[in-house]
Structure formats: structure tokens, C-alpha cells
Amino acid sequence: MKQLSSVLLAGIATAGLLASGSLLAQPNLNDMFLDQDTDNFDPGLSIGEPFPAIRAIYSGEEITSPEQFMGERGLAFFAVRSADW
């Protein structure tokens, strides 16, 4: 019984430490943001740049412009390149 009490007390103490965040890994946020972009990565279109021509099939219909999908606040377009070529 005494051993069970010790285990229970240790469990409660550990739970308290975890809940307080003392034992959780803390992220290193130093140098998280760069002052300027110096690599060769090109993320694509800039804000306000015209959308390039597209050609896709959606619901059996050929799409050549994203305008039919735009709402009052614009359009979020995501292109995912398959890893299975």
C-alpha cells in the first residue's frame, strides 16, 4: 500500500509539472526571422501580379481561367506537385 501511495504521489507530481509546462520542450525562437531573403528559392507570384494562363479539367469541363472560382475576397490557389512520377 505504501508503494502504491509513492507511485501515485510521483504520478501526480509529474502531471503537475507537465501541466505547468516545466518539462515541455521549448522552441528556440532566436533568429527565427531573416532580415532579408538571400536564397535562390522563388515562391511564385508576387501579390498583385497577374495569374498565368492555366489549362485544367474540373468536373469534366476545361478551365482556362481561375475567375469562375473567385469570390468577393479573391481566390486561394494551391498547386501540389506529385512525388510519384
C-alpha atoms as a PDB file:
ATOM      1  CA  MET A   1       0.000   0.000   0.000  1.00  0.00           C
ATOM      2  CA  LYS A   2       2.848   2.367   0.866  1.00  0.00           C
ATOM      3  CA  GLN A   3       4.475   1.635  -2.531  1.00  0.00           C
ATOM      4  CA  LEU A   4       1.179   2.402  -4.306  1.00  0.00           C
ATOM      5  CA  SER A   5       0.965   5.731  -2.457  1.00  0.00           C
ATOM      6  CA  SER A   6       4.521   6.614  -3.538  1.00  0.00           C
ATOM      7  CA  VAL A   7       3.771   5.776  -7.182  1.00  0.00           C
ATOM      8  CA  LEU A   8       0.520   7.731  -7.057  1.00  0.00           C
ATOM      9  CA  LEU A   9       2.233  10.744  -5.493  1.00  0.00           C
ATOM     10  CA  ALA A  10       5.019  10.618  -8.114  1.00  0.00           C
ATOM     11  CA  GLY A  11       2.401  10.446 -10.870  1.00  0.00           C
ATOM     12  CA  ILE A  12       0.533  13.444  -9.520  1.00  0.00           C
ATOM     13  CA  ALA A  13       3.773  15.431  -9.198  1.00  0.00           C
ATOM     14  CA  THR A  14       4.776  14.548 -12.786  1.00  0.00           C
ATOM     15  CA  ALA A  15       1.320  15.509 -14.083  1.00  0.00           C
ATOM     16  CA  GLY A  16       1.603  18.828 -12.255  1.00  0.00           C
ATOM     17  CA  LEU A  17       4.989  19.562 -13.824  1.00  0.00           C
ATOM     18  CA  LEU A  18       3.725  18.657 -17.290  1.00  0.00           C
ATOM     19  CA  ALA A  19       0.653  20.839 -16.845  1.00  0.00           C
ATOM     20  CA  SER A  20       2.789  23.780 -15.771  1.00  0.00           C
ATOM     21  CA  GLY A  21       4.971  23.408 -18.861  1.00  0.00           C
ATOM     22  CA  SER A  22       8.185  22.995 -16.880  1.00  0.00           C
ATOM     23  CA  LEU A  23       9.068  19.686 -18.530  1.00  0.00           C
ATOM     24  CA  LEU A  24       7.898  20.528 -22.051  1.00  0.00           C
ATOM     25  CA  ALA A  25      10.460  21.277 -24.745  1.00  0.00           C
ATOM     26  CA  GLN A  26      10.549  24.967 -25.535  1.00  0.00           C
ATOM     27  CA  PRO A  27      11.142  26.082 -29.136  1.00  0.00           C
ATOM     28  CA  ASN A  28      14.241  28.125 -29.909  1.00  0.00           C
ATOM     29  CA  LEU A  29      12.862  31.335 -31.405  1.00  0.00           C
ATOM     30  CA  ASN A  30      16.225  33.085 -31.731  1.00  0.00           C
ATOM     31  CA  ASP A  31      16.944  34.041 -35.346  1.00  0.00           C
ATOM     32  CA  MET A  32      13.531  32.755 -36.408  1.00  0.00           C
ATOM     33  CA  PHE A  33      13.040  35.517 -38.983  1.00  0.00           C
ATOM     34  CA  LEU A  34      15.526  36.793 -41.553  1.00  0.00           C
ATOM     35  CA  ASP A  35      16.192  40.454 -42.248  1.00  0.00           C
ATOM     36  CA  GLN A  36      16.249  39.764 -45.974  1.00  0.00           C
ATOM     37  CA  ASP A  37      15.701  36.873 -48.386  1.00  0.00           C
ATOM     38  CA  THR A  38      19.103  35.816 -49.717  1.00  0.00           C
ATOM     39  CA  ASP A  39      18.462  32.352 -51.180  1.00  0.00           C
ATOM     40  CA  ASN A  40      17.550  31.368 -54.765  1.00  0.00           C
ATOM     41  CA  PHE A  41      14.097  29.968 -53.906  1.00  0.00           C
ATOM     42  CA  ASP A  42      11.322  31.537 -55.977  1.00  0.00           C
ATOM     43  CA  PRO A  43       7.963  31.108 -54.206  1.00  0.00           C
ATOM     44  CA  GLY A  44       5.976  32.163 -57.271  1.00  0.00           C
ATOM     45  CA  LEU A  45       3.735  35.121 -57.981  1.00  0.00           C
ATOM     46  CA  SER A  46       4.034  38.335 -56.044  1.00  0.00           C
ATOM     47  CA  ILE A  47       0.955  39.983 -54.574  1.00  0.00           C
ATOM     48  CA  GLY A  48      -0.930  41.788 -57.335  1.00  0.00           C
ATOM     49  CA  GLU A  49       0.921  40.026 -60.169  1.00  0.00           C
ATOM     50  CA  PRO A  50      -1.414  38.679 -62.903  1.00  0.00           C
ATOM     51  CA  PHE A  51      -2.251  34.979 -62.689  1.00  0.00           C
ATOM     52  CA  PRO A  52      -0.640  32.986 -65.526  1.00  0.00           C
ATOM     53  CA  ALA A  53      -2.687  31.089 -68.093  1.00  0.00           C
ATOM     54  CA  ILE A  54      -3.850  27.665 -66.943  1.00  0.00           C
ATOM     55  CA  ARG A  55      -5.431  24.644 -68.560  1.00  0.00           C
ATOM     56  CA  ALA A  56      -7.141  22.081 -66.342  1.00  0.00           C
ATOM     57  CA  ILE A  57     -10.160  19.775 -66.256  1.00  0.00           C
ATOM     58  CA  TYR A  58     -12.712  20.386 -63.493  1.00  0.00           C
ATOM     59  CA  SER A  59     -15.943  18.362 -63.334  1.00  0.00           C
ATOM     60  CA  GLY A  60     -15.405  17.272 -66.943  1.00  0.00           C
ATOM     61  CA  GLU A  61     -15.078  20.863 -68.160  1.00  0.00           C
ATOM     62  CA  GLU A  62     -11.908  22.556 -69.422  1.00  0.00           C
ATOM     63  CA  ILE A  63     -10.875  25.513 -67.271  1.00  0.00           C
ATOM     64  CA  THR A  64      -8.597  28.206 -68.701  1.00  0.00           C
ATOM     65  CA  SER A  65      -9.178  30.943 -66.143  1.00  0.00           C
ATOM     66  CA  PRO A  66      -9.455  30.850 -62.350  1.00  0.00           C
ATOM     67  CA  GLU A  67     -12.041  33.669 -62.385  1.00  0.00           C
ATOM     68  CA  GLN A  68     -15.059  31.356 -62.119  1.00  0.00           C
ATOM     69  CA  PHE A  69     -13.754  30.232 -58.711  1.00  0.00           C
ATOM     70  CA  MET A  70     -13.137  33.728 -57.327  1.00  0.00           C
ATOM     71  CA  GLY A  71     -15.336  35.072 -54.567  1.00  0.00           C
ATOM     72  CA  GLU A  72     -15.660  38.602 -53.236  1.00  0.00           C
ATOM     73  CA  ARG A  73     -12.373  38.221 -51.339  1.00  0.00           C
ATOM     74  CA  GLY A  74     -10.403  36.634 -54.171  1.00  0.00           C
ATOM     75  CA  LEU A  75      -9.078  33.112 -54.583  1.00  0.00           C
ATOM     76  CA  ALA A  76      -6.559  30.926 -52.781  1.00  0.00           C
ATOM     77  CA  PHE A  77      -4.808  28.700 -55.324  1.00  0.00           C
ATOM     78  CA  PHE A  78      -2.646  25.769 -54.234  1.00  0.00           C
ATOM     79  CA  ALA A  79      -0.650  23.650 -56.659  1.00  0.00           C
ATOM     80  CA  VAL A  80       0.845  20.449 -55.302  1.00  0.00           C
ATOM     81  CA  ARG A  81       3.432  18.631 -57.334  1.00  0.00           C
ATOM     82  CA  SER A  82       3.145  14.879 -57.029  1.00  0.00           C
ATOM     83  CA  ALA A  83       6.080  12.954 -55.628  1.00  0.00           C
ATOM     84  CA  ASP A  84       5.023   9.901 -57.667  1.00  0.00           C
ATOM     85  CA  TRP A  85       6.310  10.473 -61.218  1.00  0.00           C
END
